[in-house]
Amino acid sequence: MPRHEPQGTVTLARLYAQQGHWDQAAVVYRALLQAEPGREDLQQALAEAETHRSQRAIDSLAPLFREWIELLFRHDRLRRLRRLKSRL
């Protein structure tokens, strides 16, 4: 049975991935997998896109975590200073 592969759509997903547009690539790969759920190449490509998306999310959260930790230290110092002031 001949397989009808939407080349333009696969090509579009690959272009998105090559250009680093992992969100768009993942959307296209998901749509392709709905049409052809058994395609291992698409499953692997989607997994790669999801990995890149996850890494980007982690990378974008790192500065927020650093700021949060710094704020925790500042809060702790302020709490200690207030406690010290109340004892004086």
C-alpha atoms as a PDB file:
ATOM      1  CA  MET A   1       0.000   0.000   0.000  1.00  0.00           C
ATOM      2  CA  PRO A   2       1.614   3.301  -1.027  1.00  0.00           C
ATOM      3  CA  ARG A   3       2.246   5.775   1.716  1.00  0.00           C
ATOM      4  CA  HIS A   4       1.122   9.344   1.112  1.00  0.00           C
ATOM      5  CA  GLU A   5       3.720  11.451   2.831  1.00  0.00           C
ATOM      6  CA  PRO A   6       2.985  15.161   3.078  1.00  0.00           C
ATOM      7  CA  GLN A   7       6.526  16.144   2.016  1.00  0.00           C
ATOM      8  CA  GLY A   8       5.891  19.852   2.384  1.00  0.00           C
ATOM      9  CA  THR A   9       4.774  19.419   5.956  1.00  0.00           C
ATOM     10  CA  VAL A  10       7.700  17.175   6.885  1.00  0.00           C
ATOM     11  CA  THR A  11      10.008  19.629   5.144  1.00  0.00           C
ATOM     12  CA  LEU A  12       8.443  22.508   7.022  1.00  0.00           C
ATOM     13  CA  ALA A  13       8.934  20.741  10.341  1.00  0.00           C
ATOM     14  CA  ARG A  14      12.566  20.037   9.486  1.00  0.00           C
ATOM     15  CA  LEU A  15      13.127  23.660   8.483  1.00  0.00           C
ATOM     16  CA  TYR A  16      11.624  24.863  11.752  1.00  0.00           C
ATOM     17  CA  ALA A  17      13.928  22.501  13.634  1.00  0.00           C
ATOM     18  CA  GLN A  18      17.017  23.527  11.672  1.00  0.00           C
ATOM     19  CA  GLN A  19      16.263  27.179  12.393  1.00  0.00           C
ATOM     20  CA  GLY A  20      15.760  26.508  16.088  1.00  0.00           C
ATOM     21  CA  HIS A  21      11.998  27.087  16.058  1.00  0.00           C
ATOM     22  CA  TRP A  22      11.361  24.051  18.214  1.00  0.00           C
ATOM     23  CA  ASP A  23       7.827  25.007  19.277  1.00  0.00           C
ATOM     24  CA  GLN A  24       6.626  25.211  15.684  1.00  0.00           C
ATOM     25  CA  ALA A  25       8.505  22.051  14.723  1.00  0.00           C
ATOM     26  CA  ALA A  26       6.869  20.151  17.579  1.00  0.00           C
ATOM     27  CA  VAL A  27       3.404  21.321  16.512  1.00  0.00           C
ATOM     28  CA  VAL A  28       3.959  20.097  12.953  1.00  0.00           C
ATOM     29  CA  TYR A  29       5.460  16.785  14.085  1.00  0.00           C
ATOM     30  CA  ARG A  30       2.483  16.181  16.408  1.00  0.00           C
ATOM     31  CA  ALA A  31       0.070  16.802  13.535  1.00  0.00           C
ATOM     32  CA  LEU A  32       2.012  14.426  11.319  1.00  0.00           C
ATOM     33  CA  LEU A  33       1.999  11.759  14.013  1.00  0.00           C
ATOM     34  CA  GLN A  34      -1.757  12.025  14.353  1.00  0.00           C
ATOM     35  CA  ALA A  35      -2.030  11.185  10.676  1.00  0.00           C
ATOM     36  CA  GLU A  36       0.675   8.492  10.817  1.00  0.00           C
ATOM     37  CA  PRO A  37       1.150   7.338  14.425  1.00  0.00           C
ATOM     38  CA  GLY A  38       3.514   4.496  13.545  1.00  0.00           C
ATOM     39  CA  ARG A  39       6.243   6.641  12.014  1.00  0.00           C
ATOM     40  CA  GLU A  40       9.312   6.194  14.183  1.00  0.00           C
ATOM     41  CA  ASP A  41      11.221   8.910  12.340  1.00  0.00           C
ATOM     42  CA  LEU A  42       8.543  11.442  13.257  1.00  0.00           C
ATOM     43  CA  GLN A  43       8.424  10.173  16.840  1.00  0.00           C
ATOM     44  CA  GLN A  44      12.191  10.651  17.131  1.00  0.00           C
ATOM     45  CA  ALA A  45      12.022  14.092  15.533  1.00  0.00           C
ATOM     46  CA  LEU A  46       9.258  15.113  17.947  1.00  0.00           C
ATOM     47  CA  ALA A  47      11.286  13.808  20.884  1.00  0.00           C
ATOM     48  CA  GLU A  48      14.257  15.896  19.725  1.00  0.00           C
ATOM     49  CA  ALA A  49      12.091  18.998  19.366  1.00  0.00           C
ATOM     50  CA  GLU A  50      10.602  18.450  22.830  1.00  0.00           C
ATOM     51  CA  THR A  51      14.084  18.017  24.312  1.00  0.00           C
ATOM     52  CA  HIS A  52      15.197  21.325  22.829  1.00  0.00           C
ATOM     53  CA  ARG A  53      12.026  23.030  24.041  1.00  0.00           C
ATOM     54  CA  SER A  54      12.581  21.693  27.560  1.00  0.00           C
ATOM     55  CA  GLN A  55      16.209  22.783  27.595  1.00  0.00           C
ATOM     56  CA  ARG A  56      15.234  26.275  26.473  1.00  0.00           C
ATOM     57  CA  ALA A  57      12.685  26.456  29.278  1.00  0.00           C
ATOM     58  CA  ILE A  58      15.289  25.338  31.809  1.00  0.00           C
ATOM     59  CA  ASP A  59      17.786  27.872  30.488  1.00  0.00           C
ATOM     60  CA  SER A  60      15.230  30.666  30.749  1.00  0.00           C
ATOM     61  CA  LEU A  61      14.394  29.718  34.347  1.00  0.00           C
ATOM     62  CA  ALA A  62      17.984  29.655  35.601  1.00  0.00           C
ATOM     63  CA  PRO A  63      18.252  33.455  36.057  1.00  0.00           C
ATOM     64  CA  LEU A  64      14.936  33.475  37.911  1.00  0.00           C
ATOM     65  CA  PHE A  65      16.146  30.779  40.291  1.00  0.00           C
ATOM     66  CA  ARG A  66      19.360  32.710  40.939  1.00  0.00           C
ATOM     67  CA  GLU A  67      17.335  35.840  41.699  1.00  0.00           C
ATOM     68  CA  TRP A  68      14.979  33.875  43.942  1.00  0.00           C
ATOM     69  CA  ILE A  69      17.897  32.435  45.920  1.00  0.00           C
ATOM     70  CA  GLU A  70      19.443  35.887  46.280  1.00  0.00           C
ATOM     71  CA  LEU A  71      16.123  37.212  47.571  1.00  0.00           C
ATOM     72  CA  LEU A  72      15.946  34.374  50.090  1.00  0.00           C
ATOM     73  CA  PHE A  73      19.402  35.315  51.389  1.00  0.00           C
ATOM     74  CA  ARG A  74      18.431  38.968  51.574  1.00  0.00           C
ATOM     75  CA  HIS A  75      15.240  38.104  53.423  1.00  0.00           C
ATOM     76  CA  ASP A  76      17.199  35.990  55.889  1.00  0.00           C
ATOM     77  CA  ARG A  77      19.714  38.807  56.489  1.00  0.00           C
ATOM     78  CA  LEU A  78      16.903  41.313  56.994  1.00  0.00           C
ATOM     79  CA  ARG A  79      15.149  38.984  59.435  1.00  0.00           C
ATOM     80  CA  ARG A  80      18.374  38.581  61.419  1.00  0.00           C
ATOM     81  CA  LEU A  81      18.960  42.330  61.484  1.00  0.00           C
ATOM     82  CA  ARG A  82      15.413  42.956  62.718  1.00  0.00           C
ATOM     83  CA  ARG A  83      15.835  40.356  65.424  1.00  0.00           C
ATOM     84  CA  LEU A  84      19.149  41.917  66.462  1.00  0.00           C
ATOM     85  CA  LYS A  85      17.580  45.402  66.473  1.00  0.00           C
ATOM     86  CA  SER A  86      14.727  44.238  68.701  1.00  0.00           C
ATOM     87  CA  ARG A  87      17.236  42.931  71.247  1.00  0.00           C
ATOM     88  CA  LEU A  88      19.025  46.279  71.489  1.00  0.00           C
END
